Amino acid sequence: MALILVIDDETDACRLMERILSADGHRVFGFTEVEAAMRWLDDNVPDLAILDIKLQSTDGISLLKAMRLRDPFMKVIMIVGTSSVEAANLAIGQGIDAYLVKPLELDELEQRVASALALEQAR
Protein backbone atom coordinates (compact mmCIF):
# COMPACT_ATOMS: atom_id res chain seq x y z
CA MET A 1 0.00 0.00 0.00
CA ALA A 2 0.98 3.66 0.17
CA LEU A 3 3.42 5.66 2.28
CA ILE A 4 1.43 8.55 3.76
CA LEU A 5 2.68 11.61 5.65
CA VAL A 6 0.25 13.33 8.05
CA ILE A 7 1.01 16.77 9.53
CA ASP A 8 -1.51 18.14 12.01
CA ASP A 9 -0.63 20.00 15.20
CA GLU A 10 -3.70 18.55 16.92
CA THR A 11 -2.37 15.32 18.39
CA ASP A 12 -5.76 13.59 18.52
CA ALA A 13 -6.52 14.35 14.86
CA CYS A 14 -3.05 13.21 13.79
CA ARG A 15 -3.30 9.93 15.71
CA LEU A 16 -6.83 9.28 14.44
CA MET A 17 -5.71 9.62 10.81
CA GLU A 18 -2.70 7.39 11.51
CA ARG A 19 -4.92 4.71 13.05
CA ILE A 20 -7.61 4.77 10.34
CA LEU A 21 -5.22 4.80 7.39
CA SER A 22 -2.92 2.18 8.93
CA ALA A 23 -5.95 -0.08 9.37
CA ASP A 24 -6.52 0.35 5.62
CA GLY A 25 -3.05 -1.11 5.04
CA HIS A 26 -1.05 2.07 4.49
CA ARG A 27 2.25 2.95 6.15
CA VAL A 28 1.44 6.22 7.90
CA PHE A 29 3.84 8.62 9.60
CA GLY A 30 2.17 11.37 11.59
CA PHE A 31 3.80 14.52 12.90
CA THR A 32 2.52 17.31 15.09
CA GLU A 33 5.63 19.44 14.50
CA VAL A 34 6.53 20.76 11.06
CA GLU A 35 10.28 20.65 11.71
CA ALA A 36 10.19 16.92 12.50
CA ALA A 37 8.12 16.25 9.39
CA MET A 38 10.57 18.16 7.20
CA ARG A 39 13.48 16.14 8.64
CA TRP A 40 11.53 12.96 7.85
CA LEU A 41 11.09 14.22 4.28
CA ASP A 42 14.88 14.46 3.94
CA ASP A 43 14.97 10.65 3.82
CA ASN A 44 11.49 9.68 2.61
CA VAL A 45 9.22 10.32 -0.37
CA PRO A 46 5.57 9.82 0.53
CA ASP A 47 2.94 8.81 -1.98
CA LEU A 48 0.57 11.26 -0.30
CA ALA A 49 0.75 14.07 2.26
CA ILE A 50 -2.17 15.19 4.41
CA LEU A 51 -1.62 18.69 5.81
CA ASP A 52 -3.60 20.84 8.21
CA ILE A 53 -3.91 24.37 6.85
CA LYS A 54 -3.48 25.92 10.32
CA LEU A 55 -0.35 24.87 12.15
CA GLN A 56 1.33 26.40 15.18
CA SER A 57 4.69 27.18 13.58
CA THR A 58 3.55 27.98 10.03
CA ASP A 59 0.52 27.84 7.79
CA GLY A 60 -0.32 24.91 5.57
CA ILE A 61 0.07 26.92 2.35
CA SER A 62 3.68 27.88 3.20
CA LEU A 63 4.38 24.27 4.15
CA LEU A 64 2.81 23.06 0.91
CA LYS A 65 5.08 25.39 -1.10
CA ALA A 66 8.17 24.14 0.76
CA MET A 67 7.17 20.53 0.19
CA ARG A 68 6.50 21.15 -3.50
CA LEU A 69 10.08 22.43 -3.87
CA ARG A 70 11.17 18.92 -2.88
CA ASP A 71 8.59 17.11 -5.02
CA PRO A 72 6.49 19.20 -7.43
CA PHE A 73 4.16 16.26 -8.10
CA MET A 74 3.49 15.21 -4.50
CA LYS A 75 -0.15 14.32 -3.94
CA VAL A 76 -1.60 16.50 -1.17
CA ILE A 77 -4.85 16.60 0.76
CA MET A 78 -5.36 19.77 2.81
CA ILE A 79 -7.44 19.83 6.00
CA VAL A 80 -9.35 23.06 6.62
CA GLY A 81 -11.70 24.34 9.31
CA THR A 82 -15.34 24.99 8.55
CA SER A 83 -14.66 28.72 8.42
CA SER A 84 -11.71 28.35 6.04
CA VAL A 85 -13.45 28.32 2.65
CA GLU A 86 -11.12 31.08 1.42
CA ALA A 87 -8.13 29.07 2.61
CA ALA A 88 -9.43 25.98 0.81
CA ASN A 89 -9.72 27.97 -2.42
CA LEU A 90 -6.17 29.26 -1.94
CA ALA A 91 -4.94 25.71 -1.39
CA ILE A 92 -6.75 24.53 -4.53
CA GLY A 93 -4.95 27.31 -6.39
CA GLN A 94 -1.69 25.78 -5.16
CA GLY A 95 -2.59 22.48 -6.80
CA ILE A 96 -3.77 20.29 -3.95
CA ASP A 97 -5.58 17.12 -4.93
CA ALA A 98 -8.41 17.42 -2.41
CA TYR A 99 -9.40 18.99 0.85
CA LEU A 100 -11.26 17.84 3.93
CA VAL A 101 -13.21 19.96 6.40
CA LYS A 102 -12.86 19.51 10.16
CA PRO A 103 -14.35 17.81 12.00
CA LEU A 104 -13.20 14.93 9.84
CA GLU A 105 -15.66 12.39 8.51
CA LEU A 106 -13.73 9.12 8.50
CA ASP A 107 -15.47 7.70 5.42
CA GLU A 108 -14.67 10.89 3.53
CA LEU A 109 -11.02 10.71 4.66
CA GLU A 110 -10.70 7.17 3.34
CA GLN A 111 -12.46 8.08 0.09
CA ARG A 112 -10.28 11.14 -0.57
CA VAL A 113 -7.11 9.19 0.21
CA ALA A 114 -8.15 6.39 -2.16
CA SER A 115 -8.93 8.90 -4.92
CA ALA A 116 -5.64 10.76 -4.51
CA LEU A 117 -3.67 7.52 -4.53
CA ALA A 118 -5.52 6.36 -7.65
CA LEU A 119 -4.34 9.56 -9.34
CA GLU A 120 -0.80 8.80 -8.15
CA GLN A 121 -0.92 5.32 -9.69
CA ALA A 122 -2.25 6.71 -12.97
CA ARG A 123 0.69 9.11 -13.17
C-alpha atoms as a PDB file:
ATOM      1  CA  MET A   1       0.000   0.000   0.000  1.00  0.00           C
ATOM      2  CA  ALA A   2       0.982   3.659   0.175  1.00  0.00           C
ATOM      3  CA  LEU A   3       3.415   5.658   2.277  1.00  0.00           C
ATOM      4  CA  ILE A   4       1.429   8.554   3.764  1.00  0.00           C
ATOM      5  CA  LEU A   5       2.676  11.613   5.654  1.00  0.00           C
ATOM      6  CA  VAL A   6       0.247  13.329   8.054  1.00  0.00           C
ATOM      7  CA  ILE A   7       1.007  16.765   9.534  1.00  0.00           C
ATOM      8  CA  ASP A   8      -1.514  18.143  12.010  1.00  0.00           C
ATOM      9  CA  ASP A   9      -0.626  20.004  15.201  1.00  0.00           C
ATOM     10  CA  GLU A  10      -3.698  18.549  16.917  1.00  0.00           C
ATOM     11  CA  THR A  11      -2.366  15.323  18.392  1.00  0.00           C
ATOM     12  CA  ASP A  12      -5.758  13.591  18.523  1.00  0.00           C
ATOM     13  CA  ALA A  13      -6.519  14.347  14.861  1.00  0.00           C
ATOM     14  CA  CYS A  14      -3.055  13.213  13.790  1.00  0.00           C
ATOM     15  CA  ARG A  15      -3.304   9.926  15.712  1.00  0.00           C
ATOM     16  CA  LEU A  16      -6.830   9.279  14.437  1.00  0.00           C
ATOM     17  CA  MET A  17      -5.709   9.619  10.809  1.00  0.00           C
ATOM     18  CA  GLU A  18      -2.705   7.386  11.514  1.00  0.00           C
ATOM     19  CA  ARG A  19      -4.925   4.709  13.052  1.00  0.00           C
ATOM     20  CA  ILE A  20      -7.611   4.767  10.339  1.00  0.00           C
ATOM     21  CA  LEU A  21      -5.225   4.804   7.386  1.00  0.00           C
ATOM     22  CA  SER A  22      -2.922   2.184   8.935  1.00  0.00           C
ATOM     23  CA  ALA A  23      -5.950  -0.078   9.366  1.00  0.00           C
ATOM     24  CA  ASP A  24      -6.520   0.347   5.619  1.00  0.00           C
ATOM     25  CA  GLY A  25      -3.049  -1.112   5.037  1.00  0.00           C
ATOM     26  CA  HIS A  26      -1.046   2.068   4.494  1.00  0.00           C
ATOM     27  CA  ARG A  27       2.250   2.950   6.149  1.00  0.00           C
ATOM     28  CA  VAL A  28       1.442   6.219   7.900  1.00  0.00           C
ATOM     29  CA  PHE A  29       3.837   8.617   9.596  1.00  0.00           C
ATOM     30  CA  GLY A  30       2.169  11.368  11.588  1.00  0.00           C
ATOM     31  CA  PHE A  31       3.802  14.518  12.904  1.00  0.00           C
ATOM     32  CA  THR A  32       2.516  17.310  15.092  1.00  0.00           C
ATOM     33  CA  GLU A  33       5.627  19.435  14.500  1.00  0.00           C
ATOM     34  CA  VAL A  34       6.530  20.763  11.056  1.00  0.00           C
ATOM     35  CA  GLU A  35      10.281  20.648  11.706  1.00  0.00           C
ATOM     36  CA  ALA A  36      10.185  16.924  12.504  1.00  0.00           C
ATOM     37  CA  ALA A  37       8.115  16.247   9.388  1.00  0.00           C
ATOM     38  CA  MET A  38      10.566  18.157   7.196  1.00  0.00           C
ATOM     39  CA  ARG A  39      13.478  16.141   8.638  1.00  0.00           C
ATOM     40  CA  TRP A  40      11.530  12.958   7.850  1.00  0.00           C
ATOM     41  CA  LEU A  41      11.089  14.217   4.276  1.00  0.00           C
ATOM     42  CA  ASP A  42      14.879  14.461   3.937  1.00  0.00           C
ATOM     43  CA  ASP A  43      14.969  10.651   3.822  1.00  0.00           C
ATOM     44  CA  ASN A  44      11.494   9.677   2.607  1.00  0.00           C
ATOM     45  CA  VAL A  45       9.221  10.317  -0.368  1.00  0.00           C
ATOM     46  CA  PRO A  46       5.568   9.817   0.535  1.00  0.00           C
ATOM     47  CA  ASP A  47       2.937   8.811  -1.977  1.00  0.00           C
ATOM     48  CA  LEU A  48       0.567  11.262  -0.298  1.00  0.00           C
ATOM     49  CA  ALA A  49       0.753  14.073   2.258  1.00  0.00           C
ATOM     50  CA  ILE A  50      -2.170  15.188   4.407  1.00  0.00           C
ATOM     51  CA  LEU A  51      -1.625  18.690   5.806  1.00  0.00           C
ATOM     52  CA  ASP A  52      -3.597  20.838   8.207  1.00  0.00           C
ATOM     53  CA  ILE A  53      -3.907  24.370   6.853  1.00  0.00           C
ATOM     54  CA  LYS A  54      -3.478  25.917  10.319  1.00  0.00           C
ATOM     55  CA  LEU A  55      -0.348  24.868  12.149  1.00  0.00           C
ATOM     56  CA  GLN A  56       1.333  26.403  15.178  1.00  0.00           C
ATOM     57  CA  SER A  57       4.689  27.181  13.578  1.00  0.00           C
ATOM     58  CA  THR A  58       3.549  27.979  10.030  1.00  0.00           C
ATOM     59  CA  ASP A  59       0.521  27.842   7.786  1.00  0.00           C
ATOM     60  CA  GLY A  60      -0.318  24.909   5.568  1.00  0.00           C
ATOM     61  CA  ILE A  61       0.072  26.923   2.354  1.00  0.00           C
ATOM     62  CA  SER A  62       3.676  27.876   3.196  1.00  0.00           C
ATOM     63  CA  LEU A  63       4.378  24.275   4.152  1.00  0.00           C
ATOM     64  CA  LEU A  64       2.814  23.061   0.906  1.00  0.00           C
ATOM     65  CA  LYS A  65       5.076  25.387  -1.098  1.00  0.00           C
ATOM     66  CA  ALA A  66       8.174  24.142   0.762  1.00  0.00           C
ATOM     67  CA  MET A  67       7.171  20.531   0.187  1.00  0.00           C
ATOM     68  CA  ARG A  68       6.502  21.149  -3.502  1.00  0.00           C
ATOM     69  CA  LEU A  69      10.078  22.426  -3.868  1.00  0.00           C
ATOM     70  CA  ARG A  70      11.167  18.924  -2.881  1.00  0.00           C
ATOM     71  CA  ASP A  71       8.594  17.108  -5.018  1.00  0.00           C
ATOM     72  CA  PRO A  72       6.494  19.203  -7.429  1.00  0.00           C
ATOM     73  CA  PHE A  73       4.164  16.264  -8.102  1.00  0.00           C
ATOM     74  CA  MET A  74       3.489  15.212  -4.505  1.00  0.00           C
ATOM     75  CA  LYS A  75      -0.153  14.316  -3.940  1.00  0.00           C
ATOM     76  CA  VAL A  76      -1.603  16.499  -1.175  1.00  0.00           C
ATOM     77  CA  ILE A  77      -4.854  16.599   0.756  1.00  0.00           C
ATOM     78  CA  MET A  78      -5.364  19.769   2.808  1.00  0.00           C
ATOM     79  CA  ILE A  79      -7.435  19.831   5.996  1.00  0.00           C
ATOM     80  CA  VAL A  80      -9.354  23.057   6.624  1.00  0.00           C
ATOM     81  CA  GLY A  81     -11.700  24.336   9.311  1.00  0.00           C
ATOM     82  CA  THR A  82     -15.340  24.987   8.550  1.00  0.00           C
ATOM     83  CA  SER A  83     -14.659  28.720   8.421  1.00  0.00           C
ATOM     84  CA  SER A  84     -11.714  28.354   6.035  1.00  0.00           C
ATOM     85  CA  VAL A  85     -13.451  28.319   2.649  1.00  0.00           C
ATOM     86  CA  GLU A  86     -11.119  31.075   1.421  1.00  0.00           C
ATOM     87  CA  ALA A  87      -8.132  29.071   2.610  1.00  0.00           C
ATOM     88  CA  ALA A  88      -9.429  25.981   0.808  1.00  0.00           C
ATOM     89  CA  ASN A  89      -9.719  27.966  -2.417  1.00  0.00           C
ATOM     90  CA  LEU A  90      -6.173  29.260  -1.939  1.00  0.00           C
ATOM     91  CA  ALA A  91      -4.945  25.707  -1.395  1.00  0.00           C
ATOM     92  CA  ILE A  92      -6.752  24.534  -4.526  1.00  0.00           C
ATOM     93  CA  GLY A  93      -4.952  27.311  -6.389  1.00  0.00           C
ATOM     94  CA  GLN A  94      -1.686  25.779  -5.157  1.00  0.00           C
ATOM     95  CA  GLY A  95      -2.586  22.475  -6.798  1.00  0.00           C
ATOM     96  CA  ILE A  96      -3.766  20.287  -3.946  1.00  0.00           C
ATOM     97  CA  ASP A  97      -5.579  17.124  -4.933  1.00  0.00           C
ATOM     98  CA  ALA A  98      -8.410  17.423  -2.415  1.00  0.00           C
ATOM     99  CA  TYR A  99      -9.403  18.995   0.854  1.00  0.00           C
ATOM    100  CA  LEU A 100     -11.260  17.841   3.927  1.00  0.00           C
ATOM    101  CA  VAL A 101     -13.215  19.956   6.398  1.00  0.00           C
ATOM    102  CA  LYS A 102     -12.864  19.508  10.160  1.00  0.00           C
ATOM    103  CA  PRO A 103     -14.346  17.811  12.003  1.00  0.00           C
ATOM    104  CA  LEU A 104     -13.202  14.928   9.842  1.00  0.00           C
ATOM    105  CA  GLU A 105     -15.662  12.386   8.512  1.00  0.00           C
ATOM    106  CA  LEU A 106     -13.730   9.117   8.502  1.00  0.00           C
ATOM    107  CA  ASP A 107     -15.466   7.703   5.421  1.00  0.00           C
ATOM    108  CA  GLU A 108     -14.667  10.887   3.525  1.00  0.00           C
ATOM    109  CA  LEU A 109     -11.023  10.711   4.661  1.00  0.00           C
ATOM    110  CA  GLU A 110     -10.698   7.171   3.340  1.00  0.00           C
ATOM    111  CA  GLN A 111     -12.465   8.078   0.088  1.00  0.00           C
ATOM    112  CA  ARG A 112     -10.276  11.137  -0.575  1.00  0.00           C
ATOM    113  CA  VAL A 113      -7.114   9.195   0.212  1.00  0.00           C
ATOM    114  CA  ALA A 114      -8.148   6.388  -2.158  1.00  0.00           C
ATOM    115  CA  SER A 115      -8.934   8.903  -4.917  1.00  0.00           C
ATOM    116  CA  ALA A 116      -5.641  10.763  -4.511  1.00  0.00           C
ATOM    117  CA  LEU A 117      -3.674   7.517  -4.529  1.00  0.00           C
ATOM    118  CA  ALA A 118      -5.524   6.356  -7.654  1.00  0.00           C
ATOM    119  CA  LEU A 119      -4.342   9.559  -9.337  1.00  0.00           C
ATOM    120  CA  GLU A 120      -0.800   8.801  -8.154  1.00  0.00           C
ATOM    121  CA  GLN A 121      -0.918   5.323  -9.689  1.00  0.00           C
ATOM    122  CA  ALA A 122      -2.255   6.713 -12.968  1.00  0.00           C
ATOM    123  CA  ARG A 123       0.691   9.112 -13.173  1.00  0.00           C
END
